Amino acid sequence: MQRVLMINGPNLNLLGTREPAIYGTTTLGELEDRVVAWGADLDIGVETFQSNHEGAIIDRLHSARGHVDGVIVNAGALSHSSYAIHDAITAIDLPTVEVHISNIHAREDWRRQSVTAPACVHQIFGRGLRGYQDALAHLVWRAALPFETLAYGTEDQQVGDLRLPDGDGPFPLVVIVHGGFWREVWTRDLMDGIAVDLTRRGWATWNIEYRRTGTGGGWPATFEDAARAVDFLSDLAASFPIDTGAVVTLGHSAGGHLALWMAARTGLGPNAPGAIPQVMPRGAVGLAPVTDLAAAYSAGIGDDAVEHFLHRGPDEDPDTYASANPAALLPMGVRQLIVHGDGDQSVPIRLSEDYVGRAADSGDAIVFHELTGADHFSLIDVAGPAWESIAREIEALI
């Protein structure tokens, strides 16, 4: 991918002064400068365009064909009404990511449905201006390596992206789980770079989506999805060259919690979600993971993310916490790798420190790396200084 077109629609020329509590104080010109700079970091040229007129947006989309490799579009309110823009996106046949600065699912009813999103390869909303950066990255990574999106269940969110290395296989496989405090605005695009990098290193990768708060997630739905996504590997192995005896789970932040939980399922009670595993991981990797839900609840991390996720505290429902909490399921009996930065302002490093000590005391084989100066997101930046050593440690798990 060499060039990307960014289109902003009606009223986005008023960024910086229009409802700053929702859209922030950054102006459109400043946003465009940032996106151009973000593109340069990825060796991508970015063209920018804004219009308050539906026809002008359609004309600009038409003119993009043959001149750019991908499109980012925030059509503003037209996203919710313009079938003509939908048809234009379909007609130009370019991978297009739809972006919304605000969480459209938490606003007026009419904003919650986008008629243009079905024409796009991905939709990002509720991440502020960072959504444009994530859209650029998604376009880059989806062009970098082919993948197949497969459903592991019947719910919309029960899908995963399967990438396979070159060669005949069977390949060891990493189940990749994104974070975002289990909330709907964060999706598996966060882990695209890791999926591509690990696949290039010889791993098959299964980058999964799951139901999150706002999309029907929480207890027990999210855990049902996590278990089902792993067990579905036995079905995938019938059609793809993957080795279900050489599976590692890897997750970041809240995804780290789920990756550890996936590997601990043999310790669950018979009534817990996924208590009878069909596929058992041989290793688990937590990158800045939420290792202890009870401690995270008490600390209120992520603006009370655990309370929103489980809708109860550990004293109110100890049985749920006993089944949902990796720290309560030790020993796991599988090798574990925990990596955390001491500059993490989202998930306190003490959660990992406490967990590693308890896991080691329980007899589990566990490796812990504390990265000096690393923040929360630097651990999943494959171009950053931390990733190469993390990738080598993952390769050593099997």
Protein backbone atom coordinates (compact mmCIF):
# COMPACT_ATOMS: atom_id res chain seq x y z
CA MET A 1 0.00 0.00 0.00
CA GLN A 2 1.46 3.33 -1.11
CA ARG A 3 -1.30 5.96 -1.03
CA VAL A 4 -4.42 6.43 1.08
CA LEU A 5 -7.23 8.96 0.64
CA MET A 6 -8.83 10.39 3.79
CA ILE A 7 -12.30 11.89 3.30
CA ASN A 8 -14.12 13.87 5.97
CA GLY A 9 -17.73 14.84 5.47
CA PRO A 10 -20.26 17.42 6.68
CA ASN A 11 -19.43 19.65 9.64
CA LEU A 12 -16.00 18.15 10.17
CA ASN A 13 -14.54 21.42 8.91
CA LEU A 14 -15.72 22.78 12.29
CA LEU A 15 -13.53 20.41 14.31
CA GLY A 16 -11.99 22.23 17.21
CA THR A 17 -15.00 24.43 17.85
CA ARG A 18 -17.94 22.08 17.21
CA GLU A 19 -19.08 20.37 20.43
CA PRO A 20 -15.55 20.01 21.81
CA ALA A 21 -16.79 17.80 24.66
CA ILE A 22 -17.60 15.20 21.99
CA TYR A 23 -15.15 15.91 19.18
CA GLY A 24 -12.22 17.54 20.98
CA THR A 25 -10.36 20.76 20.34
CA THR A 26 -8.13 19.64 17.47
CA THR A 27 -8.94 21.45 14.22
CA LEU A 28 -9.44 19.74 10.88
CA GLY A 29 -6.14 21.16 9.60
CA GLU A 30 -4.32 19.81 12.64
CA LEU A 31 -5.98 16.42 12.17
CA GLU A 32 -4.98 16.30 8.53
CA ASP A 33 -1.37 17.16 9.43
CA ARG A 34 -1.35 14.36 12.00
CA VAL A 35 -2.72 11.79 9.59
CA VAL A 36 -0.18 12.77 6.94
CA ALA A 37 2.58 12.36 9.57
CA TRP A 38 1.19 9.02 10.72
CA GLY A 39 1.16 7.91 7.10
CA ALA A 40 4.77 8.96 6.63
CA ASP A 41 5.73 6.77 9.60
CA LEU A 42 4.18 3.85 7.71
CA ASP A 43 5.73 4.87 4.36
CA ILE A 44 2.30 5.86 3.04
CA GLY A 45 1.35 9.04 1.23
CA VAL A 46 -1.96 10.45 2.47
CA GLU A 47 -4.28 12.68 0.45
CA THR A 48 -6.93 14.62 2.39
CA PHE A 49 -10.35 15.91 1.38
CA GLN A 50 -13.33 17.46 3.17
CA SER A 51 -16.71 18.50 1.91
CA ASN A 52 -20.12 19.32 3.30
CA HIS A 53 -21.77 18.09 0.08
CA GLU A 54 -22.78 14.52 -0.68
CA GLY A 55 -22.13 14.80 -4.41
CA ALA A 56 -18.63 16.17 -3.89
CA ILE A 57 -17.78 13.23 -1.63
CA ILE A 58 -19.09 10.80 -4.23
CA ASP A 59 -17.10 12.52 -6.99
CA ARG A 60 -13.93 12.36 -4.88
CA LEU A 61 -14.45 8.67 -4.24
CA HIS A 62 -14.88 8.05 -7.97
CA SER A 63 -11.67 9.92 -8.76
CA ALA A 64 -9.74 7.83 -6.24
CA ARG A 65 -10.02 4.70 -8.33
CA GLY A 66 -6.67 3.91 -9.88
CA HIS A 67 -4.90 6.62 -7.90
CA VAL A 68 -4.88 5.35 -4.30
CA ASP A 69 -4.69 1.95 -2.65
CA GLY A 70 -7.16 2.51 0.19
CA VAL A 71 -9.63 4.97 1.67
CA ILE A 72 -10.49 6.26 5.13
CA VAL A 73 -13.91 7.89 5.28
CA ASN A 74 -15.77 9.76 7.98
CA ALA A 75 -18.93 10.84 6.20
CA GLY A 76 -20.35 12.39 9.36
CA ALA A 77 -24.15 12.37 9.51
CA LEU A 78 -24.27 11.15 5.89
CA SER A 79 -22.98 7.80 7.19
CA HIS A 80 -26.45 7.21 8.58
CA SER A 81 -28.45 8.15 5.50
CA SER A 82 -26.46 8.13 2.26
CA TYR A 83 -26.95 4.97 0.27
CA ALA A 84 -25.35 6.88 -2.60
CA ILE A 85 -22.04 7.05 -0.70
CA HIS A 86 -22.45 3.36 0.16
CA ASP A 87 -22.80 2.59 -3.53
CA ALA A 88 -19.82 4.79 -4.44
CA ILE A 89 -17.59 2.93 -1.96
CA THR A 90 -18.76 -0.37 -3.41
CA ALA A 91 -18.23 0.83 -6.97
CA ILE A 92 -14.61 1.93 -6.59
CA ASP A 93 -13.61 -1.45 -5.12
CA LEU A 94 -10.94 -0.06 -2.80
CA PRO A 95 -10.49 -1.23 0.79
CA THR A 96 -12.24 1.44 2.84
CA VAL A 97 -12.31 1.93 6.60
CA GLU A 98 -15.11 3.97 8.13
CA VAL A 99 -14.15 6.14 11.11
CA HIS A 100 -16.26 7.99 13.66
CA ILE A 101 -14.62 10.09 16.35
CA SER A 102 -17.37 9.54 18.90
CA ASN A 103 -19.00 6.31 20.05
CA ILE A 104 -22.00 6.40 17.74
CA HIS A 105 -23.54 3.43 19.57
CA ALA A 106 -23.83 5.50 22.74
CA ARG A 107 -25.53 8.50 21.12
CA GLU A 108 -28.91 9.22 19.54
CA ASP A 109 -30.77 6.25 18.09
CA TRP A 110 -30.43 7.52 14.53
CA ARG A 111 -26.63 7.62 14.80
CA ARG A 112 -26.30 4.00 15.86
CA GLN A 113 -26.84 2.52 12.41
CA SER A 114 -24.47 3.29 9.55
CA VAL A 115 -25.68 2.59 6.03
CA THR A 116 -22.18 3.12 4.61
CA ALA A 117 -20.36 0.71 6.95
CA PRO A 118 -21.48 -2.47 5.12
CA ALA A 119 -19.58 -1.25 2.05
CA CYS A 120 -16.38 -0.90 4.11
CA VAL A 121 -13.86 -3.51 5.19
CA HIS A 122 -13.85 -2.24 8.77
CA GLN A 123 -15.47 0.34 11.03
CA ILE A 124 -13.74 2.19 13.88
CA PHE A 125 -15.68 4.39 16.28
CA GLY A 126 -15.36 5.95 19.70
CA ARG A 127 -11.55 6.17 19.80
CA GLY A 128 -11.29 9.90 19.21
CA LEU A 129 -8.74 11.04 16.65
CA ARG A 130 -6.70 7.90 17.30
CA GLY A 131 -9.30 6.12 15.16
CA TYR A 132 -7.76 7.64 12.02
CA GLN A 133 -4.34 6.33 12.99
CA ASP A 134 -5.75 2.87 13.67
CA ALA A 135 -7.56 2.97 10.32
CA LEU A 136 -4.28 3.67 8.52
CA ALA A 137 -2.58 0.81 10.33
CA HIS A 138 -5.44 -1.56 9.52
CA LEU A 139 -5.18 -0.77 5.81
CA VAL A 140 -1.43 -1.38 5.90
CA TRP A 141 -1.63 -4.70 7.74
CA ARG A 142 -4.57 -6.12 5.79
CA ALA A 143 -2.59 -5.47 2.59
CA ALA A 144 0.60 -6.97 4.00
CA LEU A 145 -0.49 -10.61 4.18
CA PRO A 146 -3.58 -12.49 3.01
CA PHE A 147 -6.01 -13.79 5.62
CA GLU A 148 -9.39 -15.45 5.79
CA THR A 149 -12.12 -14.25 8.14
CA LEU A 150 -14.02 -17.25 9.49
CA ALA A 151 -16.98 -17.57 11.83
CA TYR A 152 -16.57 -19.74 14.91
CA GLY A 153 -20.19 -19.18 15.99
CA THR A 154 -23.46 -17.65 14.88
CA GLU A 155 -23.16 -14.24 16.58
CA ASP A 156 -21.83 -11.32 14.54
CA GLN A 157 -18.79 -10.92 16.79
CA GLN A 158 -17.86 -14.61 16.75
CA VAL A 159 -15.26 -14.38 13.98
CA GLY A 160 -11.51 -14.55 13.62
CA ASP A 161 -8.85 -13.79 11.01
CA LEU A 162 -6.74 -16.82 10.10
CA ARG A 163 -3.30 -16.18 8.61
CA LEU A 164 -0.99 -18.98 7.47
CA PRO A 165 2.77 -18.93 6.79
CA ASP A 166 4.27 -20.08 3.54
CA GLY A 167 4.92 -23.80 3.36
CA ASP A 168 3.07 -27.05 3.91
CA GLY A 169 2.70 -27.11 7.69
CA PRO A 170 1.23 -28.20 9.98
CA PHE A 171 2.04 -24.95 11.76
CA PRO A 172 2.02 -24.10 15.45
CA LEU A 173 -0.68 -21.53 16.12
CA VAL A 174 -1.10 -18.41 18.22
CA VAL A 175 -4.61 -17.41 19.29
CA ILE A 176 -4.47 -13.60 19.50
CA VAL A 177 -6.86 -11.66 21.75
CA HIS A 178 -7.16 -7.88 21.68
CA GLY A 179 -7.67 -5.68 24.70
CA GLY A 180 -9.63 -2.51 25.37
CA PHE A 181 -11.13 -3.34 28.77
CA TRP A 182 -13.67 -5.66 27.07
CA ARG A 183 -15.46 -2.61 25.54
CA GLU A 184 -17.09 -2.45 22.11
CA VAL A 185 -15.05 0.44 20.69
CA TRP A 186 -11.89 -1.71 20.67
CA THR A 187 -11.67 -4.50 18.10
CA ARG A 188 -9.20 -7.01 16.73
CA ASP A 189 -7.60 -4.47 14.37
CA LEU A 190 -5.43 -3.55 17.39
CA MET A 191 -3.57 -6.84 16.93
CA ASP A 192 -3.22 -6.88 13.14
CA GLY A 193 0.47 -6.04 13.27
CA ILE A 194 1.26 -8.80 15.74
CA ALA A 195 -0.71 -11.29 13.65
CA VAL A 196 1.23 -10.39 10.50
CA ASP A 197 4.62 -10.45 12.26
CA LEU A 198 4.07 -13.81 13.96
CA THR A 199 2.77 -15.35 10.73
CA ARG A 200 5.92 -14.20 8.95
CA ARG A 201 7.91 -15.93 11.72
CA GLY A 202 6.24 -19.27 10.93
CA TRP A 203 3.20 -19.31 13.19
CA ALA A 204 -0.36 -19.64 12.02
CA THR A 205 -2.34 -16.89 13.73
CA TRP A 206 -6.02 -16.75 14.74
CA ASN A 207 -6.84 -13.13 15.59
CA ILE A 208 -10.25 -13.36 17.21
CA GLU A 209 -13.17 -11.07 17.87
CA TYR A 210 -15.56 -11.66 20.75
CA ARG A 211 -18.65 -10.14 22.33
CA ARG A 212 -17.78 -7.14 24.47
CA THR A 213 -19.69 -4.77 26.72
CA GLY A 214 -22.00 -2.93 24.37
CA THR A 215 -22.24 -5.92 22.00
CA GLY A 216 -23.77 -8.48 24.35
CA GLY A 217 -20.56 -9.37 26.16
CA GLY A 218 -19.69 -9.80 29.81
CA TRP A 219 -20.27 -12.85 31.97
CA PRO A 220 -20.77 -15.46 30.62
CA ALA A 221 -20.96 -14.47 26.92
CA THR A 222 -17.38 -13.20 26.51
CA PHE A 223 -16.03 -16.34 28.17
CA GLU A 224 -18.20 -18.58 26.00
CA ASP A 225 -16.70 -16.85 22.96
CA ALA A 226 -13.14 -17.19 24.24
CA ALA A 227 -13.62 -20.92 24.84
CA ARG A 228 -15.42 -21.49 21.56
CA ALA A 229 -12.76 -19.62 19.55
CA VAL A 230 -10.06 -21.95 20.88
CA ASP A 231 -12.08 -25.14 20.52
CA PHE A 232 -12.96 -24.17 16.94
CA LEU A 233 -9.33 -24.87 16.07
CA SER A 234 -10.21 -28.56 15.97
CA ASP A 235 -12.63 -27.74 13.11
CA LEU A 236 -10.08 -25.50 11.38
CA ALA A 237 -7.51 -28.29 11.48
CA ALA A 238 -9.72 -30.34 9.17
CA SER A 239 -9.26 -27.74 6.41
CA PHE A 240 -6.04 -25.89 7.22
CA PRO A 241 -2.49 -27.10 8.10
CA ILE A 242 -2.47 -26.18 11.79
CA ASP A 243 -1.18 -28.21 14.73
CA THR A 244 -3.75 -28.19 17.53
CA GLY A 245 -1.16 -29.76 19.81
CA ALA A 246 1.06 -26.67 19.52
CA VAL A 247 -1.24 -23.78 20.44
CA VAL A 248 -0.30 -20.66 22.39
CA THR A 249 -2.74 -17.99 23.52
CA LEU A 250 -1.60 -14.37 23.48
CA GLY A 251 -3.47 -11.32 24.66
CA HIS A 252 -2.94 -7.68 25.50
CA SER A 253 -4.52 -5.90 28.47
CA ALA A 254 -8.06 -7.29 28.87
CA GLY A 255 -7.16 -9.67 26.07
CA GLY A 256 -4.29 -10.82 28.28
CA HIS A 257 -6.86 -11.71 30.92
CA LEU A 258 -8.74 -13.81 28.36
CA ALA A 259 -5.57 -15.43 26.99
CA LEU A 260 -4.62 -16.58 30.48
CA TRP A 261 -8.17 -17.71 31.20
CA MET A 262 -8.21 -19.78 27.99
CA ALA A 263 -5.15 -21.66 29.20
CA ALA A 264 -6.64 -22.23 32.68
CA ARG A 265 -9.90 -23.85 31.67
CA THR A 266 -9.07 -27.27 33.07
CA GLY A 267 -9.44 -25.73 36.52
CA LEU A 268 -13.00 -24.52 35.95
CA GLY A 269 -16.04 -25.96 37.62
CA PRO A 270 -18.37 -28.06 35.43
CA ASN A 271 -20.96 -25.28 35.12
CA ALA A 272 -18.55 -22.57 33.95
CA PRO A 273 -18.35 -21.50 30.28
CA GLY A 274 -16.07 -23.74 28.24
CA ALA A 275 -15.34 -26.05 31.16
CA ILE A 276 -14.80 -29.08 28.89
CA PRO A 277 -11.99 -28.03 26.53
CA GLN A 278 -11.54 -29.62 23.12
CA VAL A 279 -8.22 -27.87 22.51
CA MET A 280 -5.82 -27.02 25.32
CA PRO A 281 -3.05 -24.43 24.80
CA ARG A 282 0.50 -25.38 25.66
CA GLY A 283 1.45 -21.84 26.61
CA ALA A 284 -0.05 -18.46 27.40
CA VAL A 285 1.29 -14.93 26.91
CA GLY A 286 -0.02 -11.88 28.73
CA LEU A 287 1.12 -8.45 27.54
CA ALA A 288 0.23 -5.91 30.25
CA PRO A 289 -2.54 -8.32 31.25
CA VAL A 290 -5.39 -7.84 33.70
CA THR A 291 -4.32 -10.86 35.71
CA ASP A 292 -6.56 -10.47 38.76
CA LEU A 293 -10.15 -9.28 38.31
CA ALA A 294 -10.74 -8.88 42.03
CA ALA A 295 -7.73 -6.60 42.46
CA ALA A 296 -8.61 -4.71 39.26
CA TYR A 297 -12.17 -4.22 40.54
CA SER A 298 -10.90 -2.83 43.83
CA ALA A 299 -8.52 -0.46 42.02
CA GLY A 300 -11.24 0.69 39.59
CA ILE A 301 -8.89 0.36 36.64
CA GLY A 302 -10.15 1.43 33.23
CA ASP A 303 -12.90 3.62 34.69
CA ASP A 304 -14.39 0.68 36.58
CA ALA A 305 -14.00 -1.65 33.61
CA VAL A 306 -14.40 -4.84 35.67
CA GLU A 307 -17.64 -3.60 37.20
CA HIS A 308 -19.01 -2.86 33.72
CA PHE A 309 -17.77 -6.23 32.49
CA LEU A 310 -19.06 -8.50 35.25
CA HIS A 311 -21.76 -6.22 36.73
CA ARG A 312 -20.83 -7.34 40.23
CA GLY A 313 -18.04 -7.22 42.75
CA PRO A 314 -16.05 -10.14 44.18
CA ASP A 315 -17.89 -9.95 47.50
CA GLU A 316 -21.28 -10.01 45.77
CA ASP A 317 -20.56 -13.08 43.63
CA PRO A 318 -17.40 -14.96 44.64
CA ASP A 319 -18.32 -17.95 42.46
CA THR A 320 -18.22 -15.90 39.26
CA TYR A 321 -14.87 -14.41 40.20
CA ALA A 322 -13.55 -17.87 40.98
CA SER A 323 -14.42 -18.99 37.45
CA ALA A 324 -13.55 -15.77 35.57
CA ASN A 325 -10.31 -14.82 37.28
CA PRO A 326 -6.95 -16.25 36.12
CA ALA A 327 -5.39 -15.50 39.52
CA ALA A 328 -7.99 -17.78 41.12
CA LEU A 329 -7.31 -20.62 38.69
CA LEU A 330 -3.65 -21.22 39.49
CA PRO A 331 -1.84 -23.49 38.92
CA MET A 332 -2.58 -23.63 35.20
CA GLY A 333 -0.10 -26.35 34.34
CA VAL A 334 1.11 -24.56 31.19
CA ARG A 335 4.10 -22.34 30.54
CA GLN A 336 3.37 -18.65 30.80
CA LEU A 337 5.07 -15.46 29.69
CA ILE A 338 4.08 -12.15 31.29
CA VAL A 339 5.45 -8.85 29.96
CA HIS A 340 4.64 -5.49 31.50
CA GLY A 341 6.08 -1.98 31.24
CA ASP A 342 6.82 0.07 34.32
CA GLY A 343 5.43 3.11 32.50
CA ASP A 344 1.97 1.57 32.10
CA GLN A 345 -0.71 4.05 33.17
CA SER A 346 -3.65 1.82 32.19
CA VAL A 347 -2.99 -1.50 33.94
CA PRO A 348 -0.75 -1.24 37.04
CA ILE A 349 2.37 -3.38 36.80
CA ARG A 350 1.81 -4.58 40.37
CA LEU A 351 -1.01 -6.80 39.05
CA SER A 352 1.54 -8.73 36.99
CA GLU A 353 4.12 -8.76 39.77
CA ASP A 354 1.65 -10.21 42.25
CA TYR A 355 0.33 -12.73 39.75
CA VAL A 356 3.78 -14.00 38.73
CA GLY A 357 4.73 -14.57 42.35
CA ARG A 358 1.55 -16.53 43.00
CA ALA A 359 1.91 -18.56 39.82
CA ALA A 360 5.50 -19.48 40.64
CA ASP A 361 4.51 -20.44 44.20
CA SER A 362 1.78 -22.69 42.77
CA GLY A 363 4.37 -24.57 40.70
CA ASP A 364 3.65 -23.08 37.28
CA ALA A 365 6.55 -22.43 34.88
CA ILE A 366 6.35 -18.66 34.34
CA VAL A 367 8.68 -16.00 32.94
CA PHE A 368 8.24 -12.32 33.75
CA HIS A 369 9.81 -9.38 31.96
CA GLU A 370 9.49 -5.85 33.30
CA LEU A 371 10.28 -3.37 30.55
CA THR A 372 11.78 -0.09 31.71
CA GLY A 373 9.93 2.94 30.38
CA ALA A 374 7.42 0.91 28.34
CA ASP A 375 3.84 2.14 28.35
CA HIS A 376 0.64 0.20 27.82
CA PHE A 377 0.48 0.19 24.03
CA SER A 378 4.19 -0.05 23.26
CA LEU A 379 4.03 -3.80 23.92
CA ILE A 380 1.91 -4.37 20.80
CA ASP A 381 3.91 -2.06 18.51
CA VAL A 382 5.81 -4.46 16.26
CA ALA A 383 8.04 -1.59 15.12
CA GLY A 384 8.88 -0.67 18.71
CA PRO A 385 11.95 -1.70 20.74
CA ALA A 386 10.10 -4.24 22.92
CA TRP A 387 8.54 -6.47 20.33
CA GLU A 388 11.57 -8.36 18.98
CA SER A 389 12.46 -9.78 22.40
CA ILE A 390 8.80 -10.59 23.09
CA ALA A 391 8.52 -12.48 19.80
CA ARG A 392 11.62 -14.54 20.59
CA GLU A 393 10.17 -15.47 23.99
CA ILE A 394 6.92 -16.56 22.34
CA GLU A 395 8.85 -18.81 19.96
CA ALA A 396 10.49 -20.46 22.98
CA LEU A 397 7.14 -21.46 24.52
CA ILE A 398 6.85 -24.48 22.22
